[in-house]
Amino acid sequence: MNNLLIMPVIIPLIVGMVLIIFPKNIILQRALSLFAIAASGLITLNIMNQILDDGIQTLQLGGWEAPFGISFVGDMFSVLLVLTTCIVAFCCLIYAFRSIGEKNEKLYFYPLFLFLIVGVNGSFLTGDLFNLYVFFEVFLLASYVLISLGGGKKQLRESLKYVFTNIVSSAFFLFGVAYLYSITGTLNLAHLSSRIAEAGQDGLITTVALLFLIVFSLKAGLLLFFWLPGSYSVPPTAIAAIFAALLTKVGIYAIFRMFTLIFYHEPQVTHLIIGILAAVTMILGALGAAGFMDVRKILTYNVIISVGFIVAGLVSMTEAGLMGSIYYLIHDMIIKALVFLIGGTIILLTGTSNLREISGLIRRHPALGWMFFIGALSMVGIPPLSGFLGKVFITQGTFEIGYFWLGGIGLLASLFILFSMIKLFMNAFWGETILTEEEEKGSTKGLIFPIALLLIFSLALGLGAEGIQVYVAEAAEQLLNPSLYIDAVLK
């Protein structure tokens, strides 16, 4: 039992509730929010080392033994994602100090931000399917308000689309939970895995598995991403960055958890379908990224490409493929926050997101330009940057099982990422400088530091990959061996 497991959920929850009482004290709101995120990250780092030494950590709330009580489970995969969430949230929070505006700060921005983190961290750490649904709803409710901050006509329209899509997916989620409980009599993830392994994954179970795949694909933007480009293009920059970095990743995490722990017995059906969805997602995302001349649309379609690429590693169900997905998932959370913050800063400076109206920013803002260039190369997977290892291992995993078509599409998608990001760099930063300092619509004061911090984490992930290899290998091993998870929870 590890009582620390619940702290990355409890700390931001309690601090968020306290901050509701002091909506106008901005200094207090900022300080306590940073404290909550930093404390959660440090505790998570401690839990990671405990898992490395002693194996998967569990916490049964109220002393009720699994599967009867509420379980929190920290395996290496989930805890790595919680730590990355804290890193990204910390940097986006610092960026928000200078960009979100005092009006939005007083509209409970910081409590809502913390409640979003509560839902994300809880989704990663819960060991119960119904509580996974609950934590999904927690971060979705917070995101419904955050996405509408500002209240413009386009923003409200996209907010309605986002809310409606997630309400529909949540309804299907409940249907899936009900069907699975009626079949197995349990919702504890470890107990579900054990029950289905004993009874066998028949046609009905596989149908329920596909229902969950639809639900989590909607939330992750896997093929069913019609809501995503607009929704991620309208909120303030700090919010768009945290959405791009975290929200689709919770859906990806749920797909990994369900199809490595519970529905892994019929991979010729379930995992092949996931592979097809991943391939189509990468193709459509690549076309969108290449076709638009809007800063945020280009970045958003690159989010979609990465969803397909990460899931391709799951399809292989090999050590290399899963290690690649974990590496790339961590990399993508950091790098998407980085490029979205830079994209938002470009829009702040120029007053437009249309690349045809932007040029030559690198002369006045060289640090911003070169940080974007390094981030772009990392997204493409240029060695030794953080995206390289993940792409190599995912491609290796797909080739090992004979899915050359899937690995090939992943490599082709990388070329489209290169094209779209270089297009953005050349149009926004290169060329003739058309804005003087007086004509710029905003300032980068206070915005460069959080961007640089994210870039440092990204570089450390790439150049220091050997240092986290032991954690990633442990996470992949635990995903490949469901018995480790089951034994830790059910003892």
Protein backbone atom coordinates (compact mmCIF):
# COMPACT_ATOMS: atom_id res chain seq x y z
CA MET A 1 0.00 0.00 0.00
CA ASN A 2 1.30 3.46 -0.95
CA ASN A 3 -0.61 6.43 0.47
CA LEU A 4 1.37 8.80 -1.77
CA LEU A 5 -0.49 7.49 -4.82
CA ILE A 6 -3.53 9.66 -4.20
CA MET A 7 -1.55 12.86 -3.58
CA PRO A 8 -1.28 13.99 -7.26
CA VAL A 9 -5.09 13.98 -7.20
CA ILE A 10 -5.75 15.26 -3.68
CA ILE A 11 -3.28 18.18 -3.65
CA PRO A 12 -4.62 20.03 -6.74
CA LEU A 13 -8.19 19.17 -5.68
CA ILE A 14 -7.83 20.72 -2.21
CA VAL A 15 -5.89 23.74 -3.48
CA GLY A 16 -8.46 24.30 -6.24
CA MET A 17 -11.30 24.22 -3.69
CA VAL A 18 -9.45 26.72 -1.47
CA LEU A 19 -8.82 29.08 -4.39
CA ILE A 20 -12.54 29.28 -5.16
CA ILE A 21 -12.88 31.22 -1.90
CA PHE A 22 -10.35 33.88 -3.03
CA PRO A 23 -11.22 34.65 -6.67
CA LYS A 24 -9.83 38.20 -6.61
CA ASN A 25 -6.50 37.50 -4.89
CA ILE A 26 -4.47 36.85 -8.03
CA ILE A 27 -1.08 36.58 -6.31
CA LEU A 28 -2.38 33.89 -3.96
CA GLN A 29 -4.06 32.06 -6.83
CA ARG A 30 -0.84 31.97 -8.84
CA ALA A 31 1.40 30.95 -5.94
CA LEU A 32 -0.83 28.14 -4.65
CA SER A 33 -1.48 26.80 -8.16
CA LEU A 34 2.25 26.55 -8.86
CA PHE A 35 2.79 24.94 -5.46
CA ALA A 36 0.08 22.31 -6.11
CA ILE A 37 1.55 21.31 -9.49
CA ALA A 38 5.16 21.30 -8.27
CA ALA A 39 4.32 19.27 -5.14
CA SER A 40 2.38 16.74 -7.22
CA GLY A 41 5.34 16.37 -9.57
CA LEU A 42 7.88 15.83 -6.79
CA ILE A 43 5.68 13.23 -5.10
CA THR A 44 5.21 11.45 -8.44
CA LEU A 45 8.98 11.34 -8.92
CA ASN A 46 9.25 9.59 -5.56
CA ILE A 47 6.55 7.08 -6.54
CA MET A 48 8.42 6.30 -9.78
CA ASN A 49 11.50 5.26 -7.87
CA GLN A 50 9.40 3.14 -5.50
CA ILE A 51 7.90 1.32 -8.49
CA LEU A 52 11.37 0.73 -9.91
CA ASP A 53 12.54 -0.78 -6.59
CA ASP A 54 9.42 -2.58 -5.35
CA GLY A 55 7.12 -3.04 -8.37
CA ILE A 56 3.61 -1.72 -9.01
CA GLN A 57 2.20 0.34 -6.13
CA THR A 58 -1.45 0.13 -5.02
CA LEU A 59 -3.76 1.94 -2.63
CA GLN A 60 -7.15 0.55 -1.51
CA LEU A 61 -9.20 3.45 -0.16
CA GLY A 62 -11.02 2.92 3.12
CA GLY A 63 -9.21 -0.36 3.75
CA TRP A 64 -11.53 -2.28 1.42
CA GLU A 65 -9.59 -4.96 -0.43
CA ALA A 66 -9.78 -5.14 -4.22
CA PRO A 67 -11.99 -5.72 -6.09
CA PHE A 68 -14.60 -4.44 -3.60
CA GLY A 69 -13.16 -1.01 -2.83
CA ILE A 70 -11.82 1.94 -4.78
CA SER A 71 -8.33 1.17 -6.07
CA PHE A 72 -5.54 3.50 -7.07
CA VAL A 73 -2.78 1.77 -9.02
CA GLY A 74 0.58 3.22 -9.98
CA ASP A 75 2.43 1.23 -12.58
CA MET A 76 5.39 2.78 -14.38
CA PHE A 77 3.35 3.71 -17.47
CA SER A 78 0.71 5.68 -15.59
CA VAL A 79 3.17 7.38 -13.24
CA LEU A 80 5.41 8.50 -16.12
CA LEU A 81 2.37 10.19 -17.64
CA VAL A 82 1.43 11.84 -14.33
CA LEU A 83 4.96 13.27 -14.01
CA THR A 84 4.87 14.57 -17.59
CA THR A 85 1.44 16.10 -16.91
CA CYS A 86 2.88 18.01 -13.95
CA ILE A 87 5.82 19.28 -16.03
CA VAL A 88 3.57 20.51 -18.84
CA ALA A 89 1.00 22.01 -16.46
CA PHE A 90 3.73 23.88 -14.54
CA CYS A 91 5.05 25.52 -17.72
CA CYS A 92 1.61 26.36 -19.14
CA LEU A 93 0.64 27.88 -15.80
CA ILE A 94 3.67 30.21 -15.85
CA TYR A 95 2.78 31.20 -19.44
CA ALA A 96 -0.79 31.94 -18.34
CA PHE A 97 0.43 34.47 -15.75
CA ARG A 98 1.39 36.89 -18.54
CA SER A 99 -1.11 35.93 -21.21
CA ILE A 100 -4.49 34.84 -19.84
CA GLY A 101 -5.56 38.32 -18.69
CA GLU A 102 -6.71 39.60 -15.31
CA LYS A 103 -10.40 39.32 -16.28
CA ASN A 104 -10.07 35.57 -16.98
CA GLU A 105 -7.92 35.06 -13.89
CA LYS A 106 -10.78 36.37 -11.76
CA LEU A 107 -13.24 34.03 -13.53
CA TYR A 108 -11.85 31.06 -11.58
CA PHE A 109 -9.20 30.18 -14.16
CA TYR A 110 -6.77 28.72 -11.61
CA PRO A 111 -9.29 26.48 -9.76
CA LEU A 112 -10.57 25.20 -13.11
CA PHE A 113 -7.01 24.57 -14.29
CA LEU A 114 -6.30 22.54 -11.14
CA PHE A 115 -9.55 20.58 -11.46
CA LEU A 116 -8.50 19.71 -15.02
CA ILE A 117 -5.23 18.32 -13.65
CA VAL A 118 -7.19 16.40 -10.97
CA GLY A 119 -9.19 14.66 -13.70
CA VAL A 120 -6.15 13.90 -15.86
CA ASN A 121 -4.02 12.54 -12.99
CA GLY A 122 -6.97 10.59 -11.60
CA SER A 123 -7.60 8.99 -15.00
CA PHE A 124 -3.99 7.80 -15.12
CA LEU A 125 -3.98 6.41 -11.56
CA THR A 126 -7.41 4.87 -11.06
CA GLY A 127 -7.69 1.10 -11.01
CA ASP A 128 -11.46 1.03 -11.52
CA LEU A 129 -13.38 1.43 -14.79
CA PHE A 130 -16.24 3.44 -13.29
CA ASN A 131 -13.84 5.81 -11.57
CA LEU A 132 -12.08 6.21 -14.90
CA TYR A 133 -15.43 7.51 -16.18
CA VAL A 134 -15.72 9.81 -13.14
CA PHE A 135 -12.27 11.31 -13.64
CA PHE A 136 -12.97 11.75 -17.36
CA GLU A 137 -16.02 13.79 -16.40
CA VAL A 138 -14.04 15.86 -13.89
CA PHE A 139 -11.51 17.08 -16.45
CA LEU A 140 -14.18 17.42 -19.14
CA LEU A 141 -16.36 19.65 -16.94
CA ALA A 142 -13.35 21.86 -16.24
CA SER A 143 -12.45 21.92 -19.94
CA TYR A 144 -16.02 22.95 -20.91
CA VAL A 145 -15.55 26.19 -19.00
CA LEU A 146 -11.91 26.75 -19.96
CA ILE A 147 -12.56 26.36 -23.68
CA SER A 148 -15.23 29.08 -23.57
CA LEU A 149 -13.13 31.69 -21.71
CA GLY A 150 -13.23 34.84 -23.81
CA GLY A 151 -16.72 34.30 -25.16
CA GLY A 152 -16.25 35.18 -28.86
CA LYS A 153 -18.83 33.96 -31.37
CA LYS A 154 -16.46 31.45 -33.02
CA GLN A 155 -15.27 30.29 -29.62
CA LEU A 156 -18.80 29.62 -28.39
CA ARG A 157 -19.64 27.73 -31.59
CA GLU A 158 -16.62 25.46 -31.28
CA SER A 159 -17.26 25.05 -27.55
CA LEU A 160 -20.75 23.70 -28.26
CA LYS A 161 -19.31 21.20 -30.74
CA TYR A 162 -16.70 20.10 -28.19
CA VAL A 163 -19.27 19.76 -25.38
CA PHE A 164 -21.78 17.86 -27.54
CA THR A 165 -19.15 15.40 -28.83
CA ASN A 166 -17.92 14.61 -25.34
CA ILE A 167 -21.45 14.21 -23.94
CA VAL A 168 -22.18 11.63 -26.66
CA SER A 169 -18.91 9.77 -26.01
CA SER A 170 -19.58 9.82 -22.25
CA ALA A 171 -23.02 8.27 -22.83
CA PHE A 172 -21.43 5.46 -24.86
CA PHE A 173 -18.83 5.09 -22.11
CA LEU A 174 -21.61 4.43 -19.58
CA PHE A 175 -23.23 1.90 -21.94
CA GLY A 176 -19.93 0.07 -22.21
CA VAL A 177 -19.46 0.08 -18.42
CA ALA A 178 -22.98 -1.31 -17.93
CA TYR A 179 -22.52 -4.09 -20.50
CA LEU A 180 -19.14 -5.09 -19.11
CA TYR A 181 -20.45 -5.19 -15.55
CA SER A 182 -23.45 -7.29 -16.59
CA ILE A 183 -21.11 -9.81 -18.21
CA THR A 184 -18.32 -9.97 -15.62
CA GLY A 185 -19.87 -8.67 -12.39
CA THR A 186 -16.91 -6.37 -11.66
CA LEU A 187 -15.42 -3.04 -12.72
CA ASN A 188 -12.01 -3.31 -11.08
CA LEU A 189 -9.53 -3.32 -13.97
CA ALA A 190 -7.37 -6.11 -12.54
CA HIS A 191 -10.43 -8.23 -11.69
CA LEU A 192 -11.88 -7.59 -15.16
CA SER A 193 -8.65 -8.81 -16.72
CA SER A 194 -8.68 -11.93 -14.58
CA ARG A 195 -12.37 -12.70 -15.27
CA ILE A 196 -12.05 -12.30 -19.05
CA ALA A 197 -8.84 -14.36 -19.13
CA GLU A 198 -10.67 -17.17 -17.29
CA ALA A 199 -13.84 -17.09 -19.39
CA GLY A 200 -12.24 -16.27 -22.73
CA GLN A 201 -12.87 -13.26 -24.94
CA ASP A 202 -15.91 -14.37 -26.93
CA GLY A 203 -17.77 -12.44 -29.61
CA LEU A 204 -19.84 -10.45 -27.10
CA ILE A 205 -16.77 -9.34 -25.14
CA THR A 206 -15.05 -8.35 -28.38
CA THR A 207 -18.11 -6.28 -29.35
CA VAL A 208 -17.96 -4.48 -25.99
CA ALA A 209 -14.24 -3.93 -26.59
CA LEU A 210 -15.03 -2.23 -29.91
CA LEU A 211 -17.61 -0.04 -28.15
CA PHE A 212 -14.90 1.13 -25.74
CA LEU A 213 -12.60 1.68 -28.72
CA ILE A 214 -15.18 4.05 -30.25
CA VAL A 215 -15.52 5.92 -26.94
CA PHE A 216 -11.80 6.41 -26.39
CA SER A 217 -11.15 7.13 -30.07
CA LEU A 218 -13.59 10.04 -29.83
CA LYS A 219 -11.73 11.36 -26.80
CA ALA A 220 -8.27 10.75 -28.27
CA GLY A 221 -9.02 12.03 -31.77
CA LEU A 222 -8.25 8.63 -33.32
CA LEU A 223 -10.01 8.94 -36.71
CA LEU A 224 -13.07 10.52 -35.00
CA PHE A 225 -11.35 13.91 -34.76
CA PHE A 226 -13.94 16.12 -36.51
CA TRP A 227 -14.35 18.17 -33.30
CA LEU A 228 -10.65 18.65 -32.61
CA PRO A 229 -9.27 21.20 -35.15
CA GLY A 230 -11.83 23.86 -34.29
CA SER A 231 -11.92 23.21 -30.56
CA TYR A 232 -8.15 23.50 -30.12
CA SER A 233 -7.93 26.63 -32.29
CA VAL A 234 -10.18 28.98 -30.33
CA PRO A 235 -9.28 29.09 -26.60
CA PRO A 236 -6.51 31.30 -25.13
CA THR A 237 -2.99 30.05 -25.82
CA ALA A 238 -2.21 28.56 -22.39
CA ILE A 239 -5.48 26.61 -22.47
CA ALA A 240 -5.00 25.43 -26.07
CA ALA A 241 -1.50 24.22 -25.15
CA ILE A 242 -2.67 22.22 -22.13
CA PHE A 243 -5.52 20.74 -24.21
CA ALA A 244 -3.16 19.72 -27.03
CA ALA A 245 -0.63 18.26 -24.59
CA LEU A 246 -2.96 16.37 -22.25
CA LEU A 247 -6.56 15.78 -23.27
CA THR A 248 -6.08 13.51 -26.28
CA LYS A 249 -3.38 11.69 -24.30
CA VAL A 250 -5.91 10.60 -21.67
CA GLY A 251 -7.91 8.90 -24.42
CA ILE A 252 -4.72 7.28 -25.74
CA TYR A 253 -3.85 6.09 -22.22
CA ALA A 254 -7.32 4.53 -21.86
CA ILE A 255 -6.90 2.66 -25.17
CA PHE A 256 -3.52 1.34 -24.05
CA ARG A 257 -4.83 0.32 -20.63
CA MET A 258 -7.92 -1.46 -21.97
CA PHE A 259 -6.20 -3.26 -24.84
CA THR A 260 -3.11 -4.41 -22.94
CA LEU A 261 -4.79 -5.34 -19.66
CA ILE A 262 -8.34 -6.45 -20.53
CA PHE A 263 -9.06 -6.90 -24.27
CA TYR A 264 -5.80 -8.42 -25.49
CA HIS A 265 -7.01 -11.95 -26.29
CA GLU A 266 -8.23 -11.32 -29.88
CA PRO A 267 -5.53 -9.07 -31.37
CA GLN A 268 -6.28 -10.31 -34.89
CA VAL A 269 -9.60 -8.45 -34.57
CA THR A 270 -9.21 -5.62 -32.06
CA HIS A 271 -5.61 -4.64 -32.67
CA LEU A 272 -5.94 -4.89 -36.45
CA ILE A 273 -8.88 -2.47 -36.30
CA ILE A 274 -6.83 -0.14 -34.09
CA GLY A 275 -4.01 -0.34 -36.67
CA ILE A 276 -6.36 0.62 -39.51
CA LEU A 277 -7.73 3.54 -37.46
CA ALA A 278 -4.17 4.68 -36.70
CA ALA A 279 -3.18 4.54 -40.38
CA VAL A 280 -6.21 6.51 -41.59
CA THR A 281 -5.74 9.05 -38.78
CA MET A 282 -2.13 9.66 -39.80
CA ILE A 283 -3.09 10.07 -43.46
CA LEU A 284 -5.95 12.52 -42.81
CA GLY A 285 -3.92 14.45 -40.23
CA ALA A 286 -1.02 14.74 -42.68
CA LEU A 287 -3.28 16.11 -45.41
CA GLY A 288 -4.75 18.66 -43.02
CA ALA A 289 -1.34 19.81 -41.76
CA ALA A 290 -0.04 20.20 -45.31
CA GLY A 291 -3.15 21.93 -46.66
CA PHE A 292 -3.77 24.76 -44.19
CA MET A 293 -2.06 28.14 -43.93
CA ASP A 294 -3.33 28.85 -40.42
CA VAL A 295 -0.87 28.57 -37.51
CA ARG A 296 -3.19 26.81 -35.06
CA LYS A 297 -4.79 24.57 -37.69
CA ILE A 298 -1.36 23.31 -38.77
CA LEU A 299 -0.38 22.58 -35.17
CA THR A 300 -3.73 20.94 -34.41
CA TYR A 301 -3.51 18.56 -37.36
CA ASN A 302 -0.04 17.62 -36.16
CA VAL A 303 -1.69 16.60 -32.87
CA ILE A 304 -3.90 14.27 -34.90
CA ILE A 305 -0.92 12.74 -36.73
CA SER A 306 0.80 12.01 -33.42
CA VAL A 307 -2.30 10.24 -32.04
CA GLY A 308 -2.19 7.75 -34.91
CA PHE A 309 1.55 7.30 -34.61
CA ILE A 310 1.51 6.61 -30.86
CA VAL A 311 -1.30 4.06 -31.19
CA ALA A 312 0.63 2.26 -33.96
CA GLY A 313 3.09 1.08 -31.31
CA LEU A 314 0.25 -0.54 -29.36
CA VAL A 315 -0.83 -2.50 -32.42
CA SER A 316 2.51 -4.32 -32.52
CA MET A 317 2.24 -5.57 -28.91
CA THR A 318 6.02 -5.97 -28.91
CA GLU A 319 8.52 -4.62 -26.42
CA ALA A 320 10.03 -2.33 -29.05
CA GLY A 321 6.64 -1.02 -30.18
CA LEU A 322 5.40 -0.29 -26.66
CA MET A 323 8.69 1.31 -25.62
CA GLY A 324 8.45 3.49 -28.71
CA SER A 325 4.89 4.52 -27.87
CA ILE A 326 5.85 5.43 -24.29
CA TYR A 327 8.89 7.44 -25.40
CA TYR A 328 6.88 9.21 -28.07
CA LEU A 329 3.89 9.83 -25.80
CA ILE A 330 6.07 11.59 -23.21
CA HIS A 331 7.87 13.51 -25.97
CA ASP A 332 4.60 14.53 -27.62
CA MET A 333 3.04 15.87 -24.41
CA ILE A 334 6.01 18.18 -23.91
CA ILE A 335 6.60 19.18 -27.53
CA LYS A 336 2.93 19.90 -28.32
CA ALA A 337 2.74 22.24 -25.35
CA LEU A 338 5.95 23.89 -26.61
CA VAL A 339 4.82 24.50 -30.20
CA PHE A 340 1.31 25.59 -29.18
CA LEU A 341 2.78 28.17 -26.80
CA ILE A 342 5.08 29.43 -29.56
CA GLY A 343 2.19 29.44 -32.06
CA GLY A 344 0.08 31.46 -29.64
CA THR A 345 2.96 33.90 -29.12
CA ILE A 346 3.24 34.38 -32.90
CA ILE A 347 -0.47 35.23 -33.02
CA LEU A 348 -0.09 37.57 -30.03
CA LEU A 349 2.72 39.48 -31.77
CA THR A 350 1.11 39.74 -35.19
CA GLY A 351 -2.60 39.77 -34.40
CA THR A 352 -3.29 37.07 -37.00
CA SER A 353 -2.96 33.32 -37.45
CA ASN A 354 -2.84 33.55 -41.26
CA LEU A 355 0.68 32.65 -42.40
CA ARG A 356 0.26 34.76 -45.54
CA GLU A 357 0.18 37.86 -43.34
CA ILE A 358 3.22 36.97 -41.17
CA SER A 359 6.89 37.26 -42.10
CA GLY A 360 10.38 37.85 -40.73
CA LEU A 361 9.73 37.49 -37.00
CA ILE A 362 13.14 35.91 -36.40
CA ARG A 363 14.92 39.26 -36.76
CA ARG A 364 13.10 40.75 -33.79
CA HIS A 365 12.56 37.48 -31.91
CA PRO A 366 15.48 35.12 -32.68
CA ALA A 367 15.09 33.06 -29.48
CA LEU A 368 11.44 32.34 -30.30
CA GLY A 369 12.30 31.37 -33.89
CA TRP A 370 15.13 28.99 -33.07
CA MET A 371 13.20 27.36 -30.22
CA PHE A 372 10.39 26.69 -32.68
CA PHE A 373 12.88 25.29 -35.22
CA ILE A 374 14.34 22.86 -32.65
CA GLY A 375 10.82 21.84 -31.60
CA ALA A 376 9.88 21.24 -35.24
CA LEU A 377 12.94 19.02 -35.82
CA SER A 378 12.07 17.09 -32.66
CA MET A 379 8.53 16.49 -33.94
CA VAL A 380 9.95 15.12 -37.18
CA GLY A 381 12.25 12.77 -35.26
CA ILE A 382 15.68 14.13 -36.17
CA PRO A 383 18.37 12.49 -33.97
CA PRO A 384 19.30 13.00 -31.21
CA LEU A 385 16.16 15.00 -30.33
CA SER A 386 13.31 13.60 -28.24
CA GLY A 387 11.08 12.39 -31.08
CA PHE A 388 13.77 10.17 -32.63
CA LEU A 389 13.81 7.12 -30.34
CA GLY A 390 10.05 6.83 -30.19
CA LYS A 391 9.75 6.82 -33.98
CA VAL A 392 12.52 4.26 -34.39
CA PHE A 393 11.04 1.84 -31.84
CA ILE A 394 7.45 2.20 -33.11
CA THR A 395 8.57 1.55 -36.68
CA GLN A 396 10.63 -1.43 -35.50
CA GLY A 397 7.62 -2.83 -33.64
CA THR A 398 5.30 -2.59 -36.63
CA PHE A 399 7.91 -4.19 -38.89
CA GLU A 400 8.50 -7.05 -36.41
CA ILE A 401 4.88 -8.23 -36.71
CA GLY A 402 4.79 -7.78 -40.47
CA TYR A 403 2.67 -4.60 -40.52
CA PHE A 404 4.99 -2.90 -43.00
CA TRP A 405 2.08 -0.84 -44.32
CA LEU A 406 1.52 0.73 -40.90
CA GLY A 407 5.19 1.50 -40.28
CA GLY A 408 5.49 2.88 -43.81
CA ILE A 409 2.51 5.21 -43.31
CA GLY A 410 4.09 6.41 -40.06
CA LEU A 411 7.32 7.28 -41.88
CA LEU A 412 5.37 8.99 -44.67
CA ALA A 413 3.45 11.01 -42.07
CA SER A 414 6.79 12.20 -40.68
CA LEU A 415 7.55 13.76 -44.05
CA PHE A 416 4.27 15.66 -43.91
CA ILE A 417 5.12 16.83 -40.38
CA LEU A 418 8.45 18.09 -41.74
CA PHE A 419 6.74 19.87 -44.64
CA SER A 420 4.06 21.53 -42.48
CA MET A 421 6.43 22.67 -39.73
CA ILE A 422 9.06 24.01 -42.14
CA LYS A 423 6.24 25.80 -44.00
CA LEU A 424 5.22 27.43 -40.72
CA PHE A 425 8.82 28.32 -39.83
CA MET A 426 9.68 29.76 -43.24
CA ASN A 427 6.51 31.83 -43.51
CA ALA A 428 6.40 33.13 -39.93
CA PHE A 429 10.07 33.64 -39.10
CA TRP A 430 11.95 33.89 -42.40
CA GLY A 431 11.58 36.49 -45.13
CA GLU A 432 11.13 40.25 -44.92
CA THR A 433 10.22 41.74 -41.53
CA ILE A 434 6.90 43.48 -42.13
CA LEU A 435 6.14 44.62 -38.55
CA THR A 436 8.13 47.20 -36.63
CA GLU A 437 8.40 47.02 -32.85
CA GLU A 438 5.68 49.68 -32.54
CA GLU A 439 3.33 47.80 -34.88
CA GLU A 440 3.50 44.53 -32.96
CA LYS A 441 0.25 43.77 -31.14
CA GLY A 442 1.84 42.31 -28.00
CA SER A 443 5.05 41.57 -26.12
CA THR A 444 6.99 38.39 -25.36
CA LYS A 445 7.83 39.67 -21.87
CA GLY A 446 7.40 36.79 -19.40
CA LEU A 447 6.48 34.32 -22.18
CA ILE A 448 9.91 33.10 -23.27
CA PHE A 449 10.83 31.49 -19.93
CA PRO A 450 8.11 28.75 -19.86
CA ILE A 451 8.75 28.00 -23.54
CA ALA A 452 12.49 27.66 -22.87
CA LEU A 453 11.74 25.44 -19.88
CA LEU A 454 9.71 23.06 -22.06
CA LEU A 455 12.49 23.04 -24.66
CA ILE A 456 15.03 22.10 -21.95
CA PHE A 457 12.83 19.17 -20.88
CA SER A 458 12.48 18.09 -24.51
CA LEU A 459 16.24 18.26 -25.09
CA ALA A 460 16.87 16.35 -21.88
CA LEU A 461 14.46 13.66 -23.01
CA GLY A 462 16.35 13.27 -26.28
CA LEU A 463 19.96 13.72 -25.20
CA GLY A 464 19.40 11.91 -21.89
CA ALA A 465 17.26 9.09 -23.27
CA GLU A 466 19.55 6.50 -21.73
CA GLY A 467 18.81 7.93 -18.29
CA ILE A 468 15.07 7.21 -18.54
CA GLN A 469 15.45 4.00 -20.54
CA VAL A 470 15.15 1.86 -17.42
CA TYR A 471 11.81 3.50 -16.56
CA VAL A 472 10.43 3.15 -20.09
CA ALA A 473 11.57 -0.50 -20.33
CA GLU A 474 9.89 -1.23 -16.98
CA ALA A 475 6.67 0.41 -18.21
CA ALA A 476 6.70 -1.64 -21.43
CA GLU A 477 7.33 -4.87 -19.52
CA GLN A 478 4.40 -4.19 -17.18
CA LEU A 479 2.10 -3.49 -20.14
CA LEU A 480 3.16 -6.72 -21.86
CA ASN A 481 2.59 -8.78 -18.69
CA PRO A 482 -0.93 -8.16 -17.33
CA SER A 483 -0.25 -10.67 -14.53
CA LEU A 484 2.09 -8.15 -12.89
CA TYR A 485 -0.77 -5.64 -12.64
CA ILE A 486 -3.28 -8.27 -11.50
CA ASP A 487 -1.00 -9.70 -8.83
CA ALA A 488 -0.18 -6.26 -7.46
CA VAL A 489 -3.86 -5.29 -7.11
CA LEU A 490 -5.50 -8.59 -6.13
CA LYS A 491 -2.46 -9.95 -4.26
